[in-house]
Amino acid sequence: MSVSDVSVRKQTVSIVTAGFGQNFVLTTVSTFLLLYLVQYADISVAGIAVVTGIITVAKIVDAVLDPVMGSIIDMTRTRWGKLRPYILFSALPVAALSGLLFTVPDIDEPGELLYFGVAYLLWGLAYTVCDVPFWGLIGSAFVDPDARTRVIGSVRAFGAIALGLSTLGMPWIAKALSFGGGGETTAQGWSLAVFITSALGMGLFLLAFFNARERQTTAVSMRLTFRQLFSTLAKNTPLLMVLLGSILGFGRFIVQAGGAVFVVIAYGDEGTFTLVGASIIAGLVISSFATPALLRRWSGRSLLIVSSLVAMGLYLGLYFAGFENLIVVLVFIFLTGLTLGIFLVVQATMIADSVDDVEKRLGVRNDGISFATLTFVSKIMNAVALLVFGVFIVAAGYQNGVDVTPAMQQTVFSSITLVPAISCLLSIVPFLFYRLGGSKPVS
């Protein structure tokens, strides 16, 4: 094995491991935060409406700042490069703020909401500083498109495994750390669990700083300006089509945003979410590993269109099948997980290809701002998904301790089936116009 091969393997292992740690932290926050606030911080229905608004506004503001962060990265010049310094200095704030989100003080509700709003805004900003350069580093470190696609597939796959471990393990860890809870999970148990696992996860994330190296190009010496970067971004039509198609496909994330709350409403036991989570994760892992092979036979555009149509059919099938039979639900969730894994790998690959394409056409390589759009759309998708799910929760009138009715269950069930089906159909339209280098759309 050559020195070059060893270096590539070391970078691959380090980046995949870093992504695993980062995804564990992200999954814990995105999957269990709403559950923690409803079940353990005892936020009321009116309070949850405020929380939903806070999260949505914070994500949108944070998403809008992503391109700014990307531009700052592209203009950064240090002996470590332009991407790696941000990975180094963001790990600790993300770990600390993640724990603080699950440590809402036991005070009056307006005070709780104020605390949560400030903590969530700071967490979002800190996470942006770590996430944008991480994805940019993948695009920069791996020159060969096939190798880059395999790394993206592995990052997505191990991210899904992190999702699984967090989804399955965090409730048990929180319960084990609920000292004095009489065998029941407590708010303090969740706080300790998130602080400890976030510290470990972001520790692994630092491997991306220590073992990955950025690509050296002729553009490194250029002093780029905000105007140049945003002008180049505006001319990157393939990238813009990916962004629009992704945002319209926000419904793919609703199960993750509200699944933990839905299973409490539908089945009366939050532990059931471990089964739902395991199903979607299994699909994510399988398709994330398989998608690089599929991309050798299909174009990214074709794969996204076909998988989106299949996803739409699956969500509609789940709606008509109903949620009474848990086994049927788990099968459908597994199949939608397959389509979600394909989407996540192809989305990142198409963005990386558009960065290479615009560099060839315009002579500017803007990893930072281009991959900032990946985190931008992910946040917008999550924000809209959470907002829509929150609207359904408020419309259903659910809060901790309320008597659950069949109408309430059906209302919330519609949010994780019909909404994703419509969303997947709409997301197809922009991908029909995806083309590189001004050529005809890839068929």
Protein backbone atom coordinates (compact mmCIF):
# COMPACT_ATOMS: atom_id res chain seq x y z
CA MET A 1 0.00 0.00 0.00
CA SER A 2 1.44 3.39 -1.01
CA VAL A 3 1.91 6.36 1.27
CA SER A 4 -0.90 8.08 -0.63
CA ASP A 5 -3.25 5.15 -0.02
CA VAL A 6 -2.44 5.18 3.69
CA SER A 7 -3.12 8.91 3.84
CA VAL A 8 -6.47 8.54 2.06
CA ARG A 9 -7.51 5.70 4.36
CA LYS A 10 -6.50 7.67 7.47
CA GLN A 11 -8.46 10.68 6.28
CA THR A 12 -11.46 8.51 5.44
CA VAL A 13 -11.54 6.77 8.82
CA SER A 14 -11.05 10.05 10.69
CA ILE A 15 -13.75 11.94 8.79
CA VAL A 16 -16.26 9.10 9.03
CA THR A 17 -15.59 8.75 12.79
CA ALA A 18 -15.86 12.52 13.24
CA GLY A 19 -19.17 12.51 11.39
CA PHE A 20 -20.38 9.68 13.62
CA GLY A 21 -19.64 11.68 16.78
CA GLN A 22 -21.17 14.85 15.40
CA ASN A 23 -24.31 13.04 14.23
CA PHE A 24 -24.81 11.42 17.62
CA VAL A 25 -24.99 14.86 19.21
CA LEU A 26 -27.22 16.29 16.48
CA THR A 27 -29.56 13.29 16.61
CA THR A 28 -29.93 13.51 20.36
CA VAL A 29 -30.92 17.16 20.18
CA SER A 30 -33.21 16.91 17.16
CA THR A 31 -34.92 13.67 18.23
CA PHE A 32 -35.40 14.10 21.97
CA LEU A 33 -35.55 17.85 22.60
CA LEU A 34 -39.28 18.20 21.98
CA LEU A 35 -39.95 15.04 24.01
CA TYR A 36 -37.85 16.40 26.89
CA LEU A 37 -39.69 19.72 26.88
CA VAL A 38 -43.15 18.11 26.79
CA GLN A 39 -42.64 15.15 29.13
CA TYR A 40 -39.92 16.31 31.55
CA ALA A 41 -39.91 20.10 31.53
CA ASP A 42 -43.75 20.04 31.53
CA ILE A 43 -44.17 22.80 28.96
CA SER A 44 -47.86 23.48 28.27
CA VAL A 45 -49.64 23.41 24.90
CA ALA A 46 -49.29 27.20 24.66
CA GLY A 47 -45.64 26.86 25.66
CA ILE A 48 -45.02 24.22 22.98
CA ALA A 49 -46.48 26.60 20.40
CA VAL A 50 -43.91 29.17 21.57
CA VAL A 51 -41.13 26.57 21.55
CA THR A 52 -42.03 25.56 18.00
CA GLY A 53 -41.90 29.19 16.96
CA ILE A 54 -38.55 29.72 18.70
CA ILE A 55 -37.00 26.68 17.03
CA THR A 56 -38.37 27.59 13.62
CA VAL A 57 -37.21 31.21 13.77
CA ALA A 58 -33.82 30.21 15.20
CA LYS A 59 -33.27 27.62 12.47
CA ILE A 60 -34.26 30.04 9.73
CA VAL A 61 -32.00 32.79 11.11
CA ASP A 62 -29.21 30.26 11.57
CA ALA A 63 -29.75 28.91 8.06
CA VAL A 64 -29.58 32.41 6.56
CA LEU A 65 -26.27 32.91 8.37
CA ASP A 66 -24.84 29.67 6.93
CA PRO A 67 -23.76 31.26 3.61
CA VAL A 68 -22.19 34.08 5.59
CA MET A 69 -20.28 31.52 7.63
CA GLY A 70 -19.29 29.76 4.42
CA SER A 71 -17.98 33.02 2.99
CA ILE A 72 -15.97 33.70 6.13
CA ILE A 73 -14.45 30.23 5.78
CA ASP A 74 -13.54 30.84 2.13
CA MET A 75 -11.81 34.08 3.11
CA THR A 76 -9.93 32.49 6.03
CA ARG A 77 -6.15 31.92 5.72
CA THR A 78 -4.30 30.07 8.49
CA ARG A 79 -1.48 27.55 8.73
CA TRP A 80 -4.16 24.91 9.35
CA GLY A 81 -6.10 25.89 6.25
CA LYS A 82 -9.46 27.61 5.96
CA LEU A 83 -11.74 24.81 7.20
CA ARG A 84 -9.98 22.93 10.01
CA PRO A 85 -9.63 25.80 12.53
CA TYR A 86 -13.40 26.09 12.83
CA ILE A 87 -13.67 22.36 13.51
CA LEU A 88 -11.16 22.70 16.35
CA PHE A 89 -12.72 25.66 18.11
CA SER A 90 -16.40 24.72 17.76
CA ALA A 91 -16.34 21.28 19.43
CA LEU A 92 -16.46 22.42 23.06
CA PRO A 93 -19.23 25.04 22.65
CA VAL A 94 -21.45 22.53 20.82
CA ALA A 95 -20.96 19.90 23.53
CA ALA A 96 -21.66 22.35 26.38
CA LEU A 97 -24.70 23.99 24.78
CA SER A 98 -26.22 20.61 23.87
CA GLY A 99 -26.26 19.71 27.56
CA LEU A 100 -27.66 23.09 28.53
CA LEU A 101 -30.64 22.58 26.19
CA PHE A 102 -31.64 19.63 28.35
CA THR A 103 -31.15 21.55 31.60
CA VAL A 104 -34.15 23.88 31.59
CA PRO A 105 -34.42 25.34 35.13
CA ASP A 106 -37.55 24.65 37.18
CA ILE A 107 -38.95 28.18 37.19
CA ASP A 108 -42.09 29.87 35.84
CA GLU A 109 -42.87 29.00 32.22
CA PRO A 110 -41.99 32.40 30.69
CA GLY A 111 -38.57 32.10 32.33
CA GLU A 112 -38.19 28.54 31.01
CA LEU A 113 -39.05 29.68 27.50
CA LEU A 114 -36.60 32.59 27.68
CA TYR A 115 -33.82 30.27 28.87
CA PHE A 116 -34.62 27.79 26.12
CA GLY A 117 -34.74 30.46 23.41
CA VAL A 118 -31.31 31.88 24.29
CA ALA A 119 -29.71 28.44 24.67
CA TYR A 120 -31.17 27.16 21.41
CA LEU A 121 -30.05 30.20 19.43
CA LEU A 122 -26.50 29.88 20.76
CA TRP A 123 -26.49 26.13 20.10
CA GLY A 124 -27.57 26.68 16.51
CA LEU A 125 -24.82 29.23 15.89
CA ALA A 126 -22.18 26.96 17.44
CA TYR A 127 -23.36 23.98 15.42
CA THR A 128 -23.13 26.02 12.22
CA VAL A 129 -19.48 26.78 12.96
CA CYS A 130 -18.72 23.06 13.22
CA ASP A 131 -20.98 21.69 10.48
CA VAL A 132 -20.24 23.95 7.51
CA PRO A 133 -16.46 23.37 7.50
CA PHE A 134 -16.91 19.63 8.10
CA TRP A 135 -18.80 19.10 4.85
CA GLY A 136 -16.50 21.50 3.05
CA LEU A 137 -13.55 19.45 4.27
CA ILE A 138 -14.99 16.29 2.68
CA GLY A 139 -15.23 18.06 -0.67
CA SER A 140 -11.73 19.52 -0.31
CA ALA A 141 -9.87 16.47 1.03
CA PHE A 142 -11.01 13.98 -1.62
CA VAL A 143 -10.20 15.00 -5.19
CA ASP A 144 -11.44 11.85 -6.92
CA PRO A 145 -15.25 12.05 -7.34
CA ASP A 146 -15.76 8.30 -6.83
CA ALA A 147 -13.68 8.31 -3.63
CA ARG A 148 -15.57 11.37 -2.43
CA THR A 149 -18.92 9.71 -3.11
CA ARG A 150 -17.85 6.64 -1.13
CA VAL A 151 -16.79 8.84 1.79
CA ILE A 152 -20.09 10.73 1.70
CA GLY A 153 -21.94 7.42 1.63
CA SER A 154 -19.93 6.17 4.62
CA VAL A 155 -20.47 9.41 6.55
CA ARG A 156 -24.20 9.19 5.92
CA ALA A 157 -24.26 5.48 6.81
CA PHE A 158 -22.37 5.91 10.07
CA GLY A 159 -24.43 9.00 10.75
CA ALA A 160 -27.47 6.73 10.53
CA ILE A 161 -25.78 4.28 12.90
CA ALA A 162 -25.20 7.20 15.29
CA LEU A 163 -28.87 8.04 14.85
CA GLY A 164 -29.71 4.47 15.79
CA LEU A 165 -27.49 4.34 18.83
CA SER A 166 -28.81 7.67 20.05
CA THR A 167 -32.43 6.79 19.38
CA LEU A 168 -32.15 3.37 20.99
CA GLY A 169 -29.68 4.21 23.73
CA MET A 170 -30.35 7.70 25.02
CA PRO A 171 -33.63 6.90 26.82
CA TRP A 172 -31.86 4.06 28.67
CA ILE A 173 -28.84 6.20 29.49
CA ALA A 174 -31.10 8.96 30.78
CA LYS A 175 -32.98 6.44 32.90
CA ALA A 176 -29.76 4.94 34.29
CA LEU A 177 -28.55 8.41 35.28
CA SER A 178 -31.85 9.39 36.93
CA PHE A 179 -30.52 9.04 40.46
CA GLY A 180 -33.27 9.23 43.03
CA GLY A 181 -35.95 8.81 40.40
CA GLY A 182 -37.32 5.59 41.86
CA GLY A 183 -36.64 3.71 38.65
CA GLU A 184 -38.27 6.39 36.49
CA THR A 185 -36.53 8.71 34.06
CA THR A 186 -36.11 12.26 35.32
CA ALA A 187 -35.20 15.62 33.80
CA GLN A 188 -31.88 15.48 35.66
CA GLY A 189 -31.18 12.09 34.10
CA TRP A 190 -31.63 13.55 30.64
CA SER A 191 -29.36 16.47 31.49
CA LEU A 192 -26.51 14.24 32.65
CA ALA A 193 -26.95 11.86 29.71
CA VAL A 194 -26.75 14.65 27.13
CA PHE A 195 -23.77 16.37 28.77
CA ILE A 196 -21.75 13.12 28.87
CA THR A 197 -22.59 11.83 25.40
CA SER A 198 -22.14 15.26 23.79
CA ALA A 199 -18.64 15.54 25.27
CA LEU A 200 -17.74 12.11 23.87
CA GLY A 201 -19.32 12.81 20.49
CA MET A 202 -17.59 16.12 19.92
CA GLY A 203 -14.32 14.57 21.12
CA LEU A 204 -14.56 12.14 18.20
CA PHE A 205 -15.43 15.07 15.94
CA LEU A 206 -11.97 16.54 16.56
CA LEU A 207 -10.40 13.70 14.54
CA ALA A 208 -11.40 15.65 11.44
CA PHE A 209 -9.11 18.45 12.57
CA PHE A 210 -6.14 16.29 13.52
CA ASN A 211 -6.08 13.79 10.63
CA ALA A 212 -7.69 15.39 7.56
CA ARG A 213 -5.95 17.72 5.11
CA GLU A 214 -7.40 20.29 2.75
CA ARG A 215 -6.88 20.30 -1.00
CA GLN A 216 -4.23 22.68 -2.27
CA THR A 217 -5.41 24.57 -5.35
CA THR A 218 -4.38 27.67 -7.25
CA ALA A 219 -7.34 29.41 -5.70
CA VAL A 220 -5.82 29.17 -2.22
CA SER A 221 -3.80 32.34 -2.69
CA MET A 222 -6.76 34.35 -3.99
CA ARG A 223 -8.29 36.93 -1.67
CA LEU A 224 -11.97 36.34 -2.30
CA THR A 225 -14.61 38.89 -1.35
CA PHE A 226 -18.21 38.46 -0.25
CA ARG A 227 -19.30 39.86 -3.60
CA GLN A 228 -17.23 37.32 -5.57
CA LEU A 229 -18.42 34.41 -3.45
CA PHE A 230 -22.12 35.24 -3.60
CA SER A 231 -21.86 36.08 -7.31
CA THR A 232 -20.33 32.67 -7.96
CA LEU A 233 -23.01 31.04 -5.85
CA ALA A 234 -25.78 32.79 -7.80
CA LYS A 235 -24.30 31.49 -11.07
CA ASN A 236 -24.18 27.91 -9.82
CA THR A 237 -27.56 26.88 -11.23
CA PRO A 238 -27.11 23.13 -10.57
CA LEU A 239 -26.51 23.89 -6.91
CA LEU A 240 -29.57 26.14 -6.72
CA MET A 241 -31.75 23.37 -8.18
CA VAL A 242 -30.49 20.95 -5.52
CA LEU A 243 -31.25 23.49 -2.81
CA LEU A 244 -34.78 24.17 -4.02
CA GLY A 245 -35.57 20.50 -4.47
CA SER A 246 -34.25 19.75 -1.01
CA ILE A 247 -36.32 22.46 0.70
CA LEU A 248 -39.49 21.30 -1.02
CA GLY A 249 -38.69 17.81 0.28
CA PHE A 250 -38.80 18.94 3.93
CA GLY A 251 -41.44 16.31 4.71
CA ARG A 252 -38.77 13.59 4.68
CA PHE A 253 -37.64 14.87 8.11
CA ILE A 254 -41.02 14.98 9.88
CA VAL A 255 -40.75 11.47 11.33
CA GLN A 256 -37.42 12.39 12.90
CA ALA A 257 -38.76 15.72 14.17
CA GLY A 258 -41.94 14.36 15.74
CA GLY A 259 -41.74 10.58 15.81
CA ALA A 260 -40.92 10.37 19.52
CA VAL A 261 -43.98 12.45 20.39
CA PHE A 262 -46.19 10.56 17.92
CA VAL A 263 -45.48 7.16 19.45
CA VAL A 264 -46.45 8.50 22.87
CA ILE A 265 -49.74 9.71 21.42
CA ALA A 266 -50.38 6.59 19.33
CA TYR A 267 -49.08 3.86 21.64
CA GLY A 268 -48.73 5.50 25.05
CA ASP A 269 -45.08 4.50 25.44
CA GLU A 270 -42.08 6.53 24.34
CA GLY A 271 -40.01 3.33 24.36
CA THR A 272 -41.86 2.24 21.21
CA PHE A 273 -39.91 4.90 19.36
CA THR A 274 -36.85 2.69 19.66
CA LEU A 275 -38.55 0.27 17.26
CA VAL A 276 -39.59 3.04 14.88
CA GLY A 277 -36.11 4.53 15.08
CA ALA A 278 -34.47 1.18 14.48
CA SER A 279 -36.59 0.64 11.36
CA ILE A 280 -35.76 3.94 9.70
CA ILE A 281 -32.10 3.64 10.71
CA ALA A 282 -31.78 0.17 9.20
CA GLY A 283 -33.07 1.59 5.93
CA LEU A 284 -30.73 4.58 6.15
CA VAL A 285 -27.64 2.45 6.78
CA ILE A 286 -28.35 -0.03 3.98
CA SER A 287 -29.11 2.60 1.34
CA SER A 288 -26.25 4.90 2.40
CA PHE A 289 -23.74 2.11 1.80
CA ALA A 290 -25.49 1.01 -1.41
CA THR A 291 -26.01 4.42 -3.04
CA PRO A 292 -22.40 4.90 -4.28
CA ALA A 293 -22.80 1.66 -6.25
CA LEU A 294 -26.17 2.83 -7.59
CA LEU A 295 -24.56 6.10 -8.71
CA ARG A 296 -22.23 4.13 -10.98
CA ARG A 297 -25.29 2.92 -12.90
CA TRP A 298 -27.71 5.83 -12.49
CA SER A 299 -27.23 9.58 -12.55
CA GLY A 300 -27.87 11.43 -9.31
CA ARG A 301 -30.79 13.26 -10.91
CA SER A 302 -32.52 10.07 -12.02
CA LEU A 303 -31.92 8.37 -8.70
CA LEU A 304 -33.42 11.27 -6.75
CA ILE A 305 -36.50 11.49 -8.96
CA VAL A 306 -37.24 7.77 -8.83
CA SER A 307 -36.59 7.47 -5.08
CA SER A 308 -38.81 10.49 -4.40
CA LEU A 309 -41.69 8.94 -6.33
CA VAL A 310 -41.21 5.68 -4.42
CA ALA A 311 -41.12 7.60 -1.11
CA MET A 312 -44.37 9.38 -1.97
CA GLY A 313 -46.04 6.03 -2.63
CA LEU A 314 -44.74 4.59 0.63
CA TYR A 315 -46.01 7.48 2.75
CA LEU A 316 -49.43 7.24 1.12
CA GLY A 317 -49.41 3.49 1.68
CA LEU A 318 -48.61 4.01 5.36
CA TYR A 319 -51.46 6.50 5.72
CA PHE A 320 -54.04 4.12 4.29
CA ALA A 321 -52.61 1.16 6.24
CA GLY A 322 -53.02 3.09 9.50
CA PHE A 323 -50.97 2.93 12.68
CA GLU A 324 -52.95 0.29 14.59
CA ASN A 325 -50.69 -2.55 13.40
CA LEU A 326 -47.21 -1.64 14.63
CA ILE A 327 -45.49 -4.27 12.45
CA VAL A 328 -46.97 -2.74 9.30
CA VAL A 329 -45.84 0.70 10.45
CA LEU A 330 -42.29 -0.55 11.03
CA VAL A 331 -42.11 -2.10 7.55
CA PHE A 332 -43.20 1.13 5.88
CA ILE A 333 -40.83 3.19 8.03
CA PHE A 334 -37.94 0.89 7.05
CA LEU A 335 -38.75 1.34 3.35
CA THR A 336 -38.98 5.14 3.69
CA GLY A 337 -35.59 4.98 5.43
CA LEU A 338 -34.17 3.41 2.29
CA THR A 339 -35.36 6.35 0.19
CA LEU A 340 -34.12 8.87 2.76
CA GLY A 341 -30.62 7.36 2.72
CA ILE A 342 -30.50 7.63 -1.06
CA PHE A 343 -31.60 11.26 -0.89
CA LEU A 344 -28.99 12.26 1.71
CA VAL A 345 -26.05 10.70 -0.16
CA VAL A 346 -27.06 11.94 -3.60
CA GLN A 347 -27.84 15.43 -2.28
CA ALA A 348 -24.31 15.89 -0.86
CA THR A 349 -22.72 14.30 -3.94
CA MET A 350 -24.58 16.62 -6.32
CA ILE A 351 -23.48 19.65 -4.29
CA ALA A 352 -19.85 18.47 -4.39
CA ASP A 353 -20.11 17.94 -8.16
CA SER A 354 -21.54 21.44 -8.60
CA VAL A 355 -18.54 22.89 -6.69
CA ASP A 356 -16.13 21.15 -9.07
CA ASP A 357 -18.23 22.29 -12.02
CA VAL A 358 -18.30 25.96 -11.07
CA GLU A 359 -14.54 25.89 -10.41
CA LYS A 360 -13.98 24.66 -13.98
CA ARG A 361 -16.31 27.26 -15.44
CA LEU A 362 -15.48 30.33 -13.32
CA GLY A 363 -12.08 29.56 -11.77
CA VAL A 364 -13.27 29.99 -8.18
CA ARG A 365 -13.41 27.14 -5.68
CA ASN A 366 -15.79 28.07 -2.87
CA ASP A 367 -16.09 24.96 -0.70
CA GLY A 368 -17.17 26.97 2.32
CA ILE A 369 -20.14 28.87 0.92
CA SER A 370 -21.24 25.98 -1.33
CA PHE A 371 -21.29 23.39 1.44
CA ALA A 372 -22.85 25.99 3.71
CA THR A 373 -25.87 25.60 1.46
CA LEU A 374 -26.01 21.92 2.45
CA THR A 375 -26.33 22.83 6.11
CA PHE A 376 -28.62 25.70 5.11
CA VAL A 377 -31.17 23.43 3.44
CA SER A 378 -30.89 20.81 6.17
CA LYS A 379 -31.81 23.43 8.77
CA ILE A 380 -34.62 24.82 6.65
CA MET A 381 -35.97 21.32 6.07
CA ASN A 382 -35.80 20.54 9.80
CA ALA A 383 -37.31 23.90 10.71
CA VAL A 384 -40.25 23.54 8.35
CA ALA A 385 -40.73 19.89 9.35
CA LEU A 386 -40.79 20.83 13.03
CA LEU A 387 -43.05 23.81 12.39
CA VAL A 388 -45.57 21.70 10.46
CA PHE A 389 -45.48 18.95 13.10
CA GLY A 390 -45.89 21.56 15.85
CA VAL A 391 -48.92 22.99 14.07
CA PHE A 392 -50.49 19.53 13.99
CA ILE A 393 -49.69 18.98 17.70
CA VAL A 394 -51.31 22.28 18.63
CA ALA A 395 -54.28 21.54 16.36
CA ALA A 396 -54.67 18.15 18.03
CA GLY A 397 -54.53 19.81 21.48
CA TYR A 398 -51.96 17.39 22.88
CA GLN A 399 -49.93 18.03 26.02
CA ASN A 400 -48.56 15.86 28.80
CA GLY A 401 -51.38 14.38 30.91
CA VAL A 402 -54.23 15.05 28.49
CA ASP A 403 -56.62 12.23 27.54
CA VAL A 404 -55.65 11.00 24.08
CA THR A 405 -58.54 10.59 21.63
CA PRO A 406 -58.69 8.75 18.27
CA ALA A 407 -59.17 12.08 16.49
CA MET A 408 -56.01 13.40 18.14
CA GLN A 409 -54.06 10.31 17.05
CA GLN A 410 -55.30 10.54 13.46
CA THR A 411 -54.46 14.24 13.24
CA VAL A 412 -50.86 13.69 14.29
CA PHE A 413 -50.57 10.55 12.12
CA SER A 414 -51.54 12.63 9.08
CA SER A 415 -48.59 14.94 9.74
CA ILE A 416 -46.05 12.12 9.37
CA THR A 417 -47.68 10.51 6.31
CA LEU A 418 -49.67 12.84 4.06
CA VAL A 419 -47.35 15.82 4.49
CA PRO A 420 -44.20 13.84 3.52
CA ALA A 421 -46.03 12.32 0.52
CA ILE A 422 -46.94 15.74 -0.88
CA SER A 423 -43.50 17.10 -0.06
CA CYS A 424 -41.67 14.31 -1.91
CA LEU A 425 -43.79 14.89 -5.02
CA LEU A 426 -43.08 18.63 -5.04
CA SER A 427 -39.35 18.08 -4.55
CA ILE A 428 -39.05 16.32 -7.90
CA VAL A 429 -39.71 19.43 -9.98
CA PRO A 430 -36.38 21.32 -9.47
CA PHE A 431 -34.34 18.15 -10.03
CA LEU A 432 -35.81 17.90 -13.52
CA PHE A 433 -33.74 21.00 -14.37
CA TYR A 434 -30.42 19.88 -12.81
CA ARG A 435 -27.55 20.13 -15.33
CA LEU A 436 -23.77 20.55 -15.09
CA GLY A 437 -21.62 22.78 -17.31
CA GLY A 438 -24.61 24.16 -19.14
CA SER A 439 -25.30 20.80 -20.74
CA LYS A 440 -28.66 19.14 -21.13
CA PRO A 441 -30.11 17.56 -18.00
CA VAL A 442 -28.43 14.32 -17.05
CA SER A 443 -30.84 11.47 -17.81
